[in-house]
Amino acid sequence: MNYKINLYTTEGCFACSIMNDNIQQAINSIEDFNPEYNSFDKNYCWKEILKAEGVTDFPTMVFYINDKISFKLIGIYSTKDIEKHIRDVINK
């Protein structure tokens, strides 16, 4: 399986910084899980991408399996909640 996580943020967003840290901690806490991880500021991202993925609020985490969206988290989540969402999907 090919896993990818994109985090969409906006400049000066404190919640976005926290979400970035929490996602990285969740990734590191899951053994043998090495997704591609990207963080994009909405001001430097193509609007077509944001529209196609339905990203309107920030932060938004989009989780992909084999280049298809599996789930999205909008807003701020704890490391444990992010980890649970990821584990639920990769352990199906």
C-alpha atoms as a PDB file:
ATOM      1  CA  MET A   1       0.000   0.000   0.000  1.00  0.00           C
ATOM      2  CA  ASN A   2       1.082   3.523  -0.756  1.00  0.00           C
ATOM      3  CA  TYR A   3       0.177   6.020   1.984  1.00  0.00           C
ATOM      4  CA  LYS A   4       0.294   9.792   1.764  1.00  0.00           C
ATOM      5  CA  ILE A   5      -0.770  12.551   4.139  1.00  0.00           C
ATOM      6  CA  ASN A   6      -1.225  16.149   3.029  1.00  0.00           C
ATOM      7  CA  LEU A   7      -1.803  18.886   5.572  1.00  0.00           C
ATOM      8  CA  TYR A   8      -3.271  22.127   4.258  1.00  0.00           C
ATOM      9  CA  THR A   9      -2.587  25.174   6.397  1.00  0.00           C
ATOM     10  CA  THR A  10      -2.726  28.929   6.300  1.00  0.00           C
ATOM     11  CA  GLU A  11      -0.078  31.449   7.264  1.00  0.00           C
ATOM     12  CA  GLY A  12       0.008  32.440  10.924  1.00  0.00           C
ATOM     13  CA  CYS A  13      -2.400  29.687  11.979  1.00  0.00           C
ATOM     14  CA  PHE A  14      -1.432  28.459  15.457  1.00  0.00           C
ATOM     15  CA  ALA A  15      -3.804  25.475  15.230  1.00  0.00           C
ATOM     16  CA  CYS A  16      -2.119  24.513  11.941  1.00  0.00           C
ATOM     17  CA  SER A  17       1.278  24.386  13.663  1.00  0.00           C
ATOM     18  CA  ILE A  18      -0.116  22.209  16.435  1.00  0.00           C
ATOM     19  CA  MET A  19      -1.787  19.887  13.918  1.00  0.00           C
ATOM     20  CA  ASN A  20       1.500  19.567  12.003  1.00  0.00           C
ATOM     21  CA  ASP A  21       3.301  18.531  15.188  1.00  0.00           C
ATOM     22  CA  ASN A  22       0.515  16.111  16.159  1.00  0.00           C
ATOM     23  CA  ILE A  23       0.511  14.440  12.739  1.00  0.00           C
ATOM     24  CA  GLN A  24       4.282  13.949  12.846  1.00  0.00           C
ATOM     25  CA  GLN A  25       4.049  12.469  16.352  1.00  0.00           C
ATOM     26  CA  ALA A  26       1.242  10.128  15.246  1.00  0.00           C
ATOM     27  CA  ILE A  27       3.274   8.976  12.235  1.00  0.00           C
ATOM     28  CA  ASN A  28       6.297   8.309  14.442  1.00  0.00           C
ATOM     29  CA  SER A  29       4.227   6.325  16.955  1.00  0.00           C
ATOM     30  CA  ILE A  30       2.982   3.789  14.389  1.00  0.00           C
ATOM     31  CA  GLU A  31       5.528   1.050  13.805  1.00  0.00           C
ATOM     32  CA  ASP A  32       6.443   0.276  10.174  1.00  0.00           C
ATOM     33  CA  PHE A  33       4.361   3.199   8.888  1.00  0.00           C
ATOM     34  CA  ASN A  34       6.257   5.545   6.590  1.00  0.00           C
ATOM     35  CA  PRO A  35       3.838   7.644   4.567  1.00  0.00           C
ATOM     36  CA  GLU A  36       4.780  10.462   2.262  1.00  0.00           C
ATOM     37  CA  TYR A  37       4.021  13.579   4.342  1.00  0.00           C
ATOM     38  CA  ASN A  38       3.514  17.059   2.899  1.00  0.00           C
ATOM     39  CA  SER A  39       2.415  20.348   4.390  1.00  0.00           C
ATOM     40  CA  PHE A  40       1.058  23.043   2.077  1.00  0.00           C
ATOM     41  CA  ASP A  41       0.203  26.666   2.838  1.00  0.00           C
ATOM     42  CA  LYS A  42      -3.013  27.584   1.014  1.00  0.00           C
ATOM     43  CA  ASN A  43      -1.396  30.774  -0.268  1.00  0.00           C
ATOM     44  CA  TYR A  44       1.204  28.730  -2.178  1.00  0.00           C
ATOM     45  CA  CYS A  45      -1.060  25.911  -3.341  1.00  0.00           C
ATOM     46  CA  TRP A  46      -3.072  25.717  -6.542  1.00  0.00           C
ATOM     47  CA  LYS A  47      -6.679  26.629  -5.868  1.00  0.00           C
ATOM     48  CA  GLU A  48      -7.754  23.774  -8.161  1.00  0.00           C
ATOM     49  CA  ILE A  49      -6.151  21.272  -5.776  1.00  0.00           C
ATOM     50  CA  LEU A  50      -7.915  22.765  -2.765  1.00  0.00           C
ATOM     51  CA  LYS A  51     -11.233  22.707  -4.630  1.00  0.00           C
ATOM     52  CA  ALA A  52     -10.781  19.152  -5.922  1.00  0.00           C
ATOM     53  CA  GLU A  53     -10.057  17.903  -2.405  1.00  0.00           C
ATOM     54  CA  GLY A  54     -12.830  19.946  -0.834  1.00  0.00           C
ATOM     55  CA  VAL A  55     -10.464  21.911   1.391  1.00  0.00           C
ATOM     56  CA  THR A  56     -12.147  25.074   2.651  1.00  0.00           C
ATOM     57  CA  ASP A  57     -11.105  25.225   6.318  1.00  0.00           C
ATOM     58  CA  PHE A  58      -7.681  25.090   7.904  1.00  0.00           C
ATOM     59  CA  PRO A  59      -5.991  22.995   9.059  1.00  0.00           C
ATOM     60  CA  THR A  60      -7.201  20.075   6.948  1.00  0.00           C
ATOM     61  CA  MET A  61      -5.427  16.730   6.855  1.00  0.00           C
ATOM     62  CA  VAL A  62      -6.095  14.519   3.819  1.00  0.00           C
ATOM     63  CA  PHE A  63      -5.091  10.854   4.048  1.00  0.00           C
ATOM     64  CA  TYR A  64      -4.568   8.875   0.824  1.00  0.00           C
ATOM     65  CA  ILE A  65      -4.218   5.208   0.093  1.00  0.00           C
ATOM     66  CA  ASN A  66      -2.841   4.480  -3.373  1.00  0.00           C
ATOM     67  CA  ASP A  67      -3.515   8.091  -4.441  1.00  0.00           C
ATOM     68  CA  LYS A  68      -7.208   7.970  -3.477  1.00  0.00           C
ATOM     69  CA  ILE A  69      -8.617   9.995  -0.592  1.00  0.00           C
ATOM     70  CA  SER A  70      -9.407   7.707   2.314  1.00  0.00           C
ATOM     71  CA  PHE A  71     -10.414  10.324   4.896  1.00  0.00           C
ATOM     72  CA  LYS A  72     -10.084  13.973   5.900  1.00  0.00           C
ATOM     73  CA  LEU A  73      -9.692  15.593   9.300  1.00  0.00           C
ATOM     74  CA  ILE A  74     -10.726  19.235   9.473  1.00  0.00           C
ATOM     75  CA  GLY A  75      -9.586  21.293  12.437  1.00  0.00           C
ATOM     76  CA  ILE A  76      -7.258  20.285  15.224  1.00  0.00           C
ATOM     77  CA  TYR A  77      -6.986  16.732  16.553  1.00  0.00           C
ATOM     78  CA  SER A  78      -4.866  15.196  19.284  1.00  0.00           C
ATOM     79  CA  THR A  79      -1.991  12.889  18.419  1.00  0.00           C
ATOM     80  CA  LYS A  80      -3.965   9.923  19.795  1.00  0.00           C
ATOM     81  CA  ASP A  81      -7.036  10.751  17.699  1.00  0.00           C
ATOM     82  CA  ILE A  82      -4.937  11.073  14.522  1.00  0.00           C
ATOM     83  CA  GLU A  83      -3.163   7.825  15.304  1.00  0.00           C
ATOM     84  CA  LYS A  84      -6.515   6.063  15.858  1.00  0.00           C
ATOM     85  CA  HIS A  85      -7.906   7.287  12.518  1.00  0.00           C
ATOM     86  CA  ILE A  86      -4.774   6.120  10.708  1.00  0.00           C
ATOM     87  CA  ARG A  87      -4.677   2.734  12.443  1.00  0.00           C
ATOM     88  CA  ASP A  88      -8.362   2.132  11.705  1.00  0.00           C
ATOM     89  CA  VAL A  89      -7.691   2.594   7.985  1.00  0.00           C
ATOM     90  CA  ILE A  90      -4.358   0.792   7.613  1.00  0.00           C
ATOM     91  CA  ASN A  91      -5.464  -2.187   9.701  1.00  0.00           C
ATOM     92  CA  LYS A  92      -8.591  -2.953   7.617  1.00  0.00           C
END
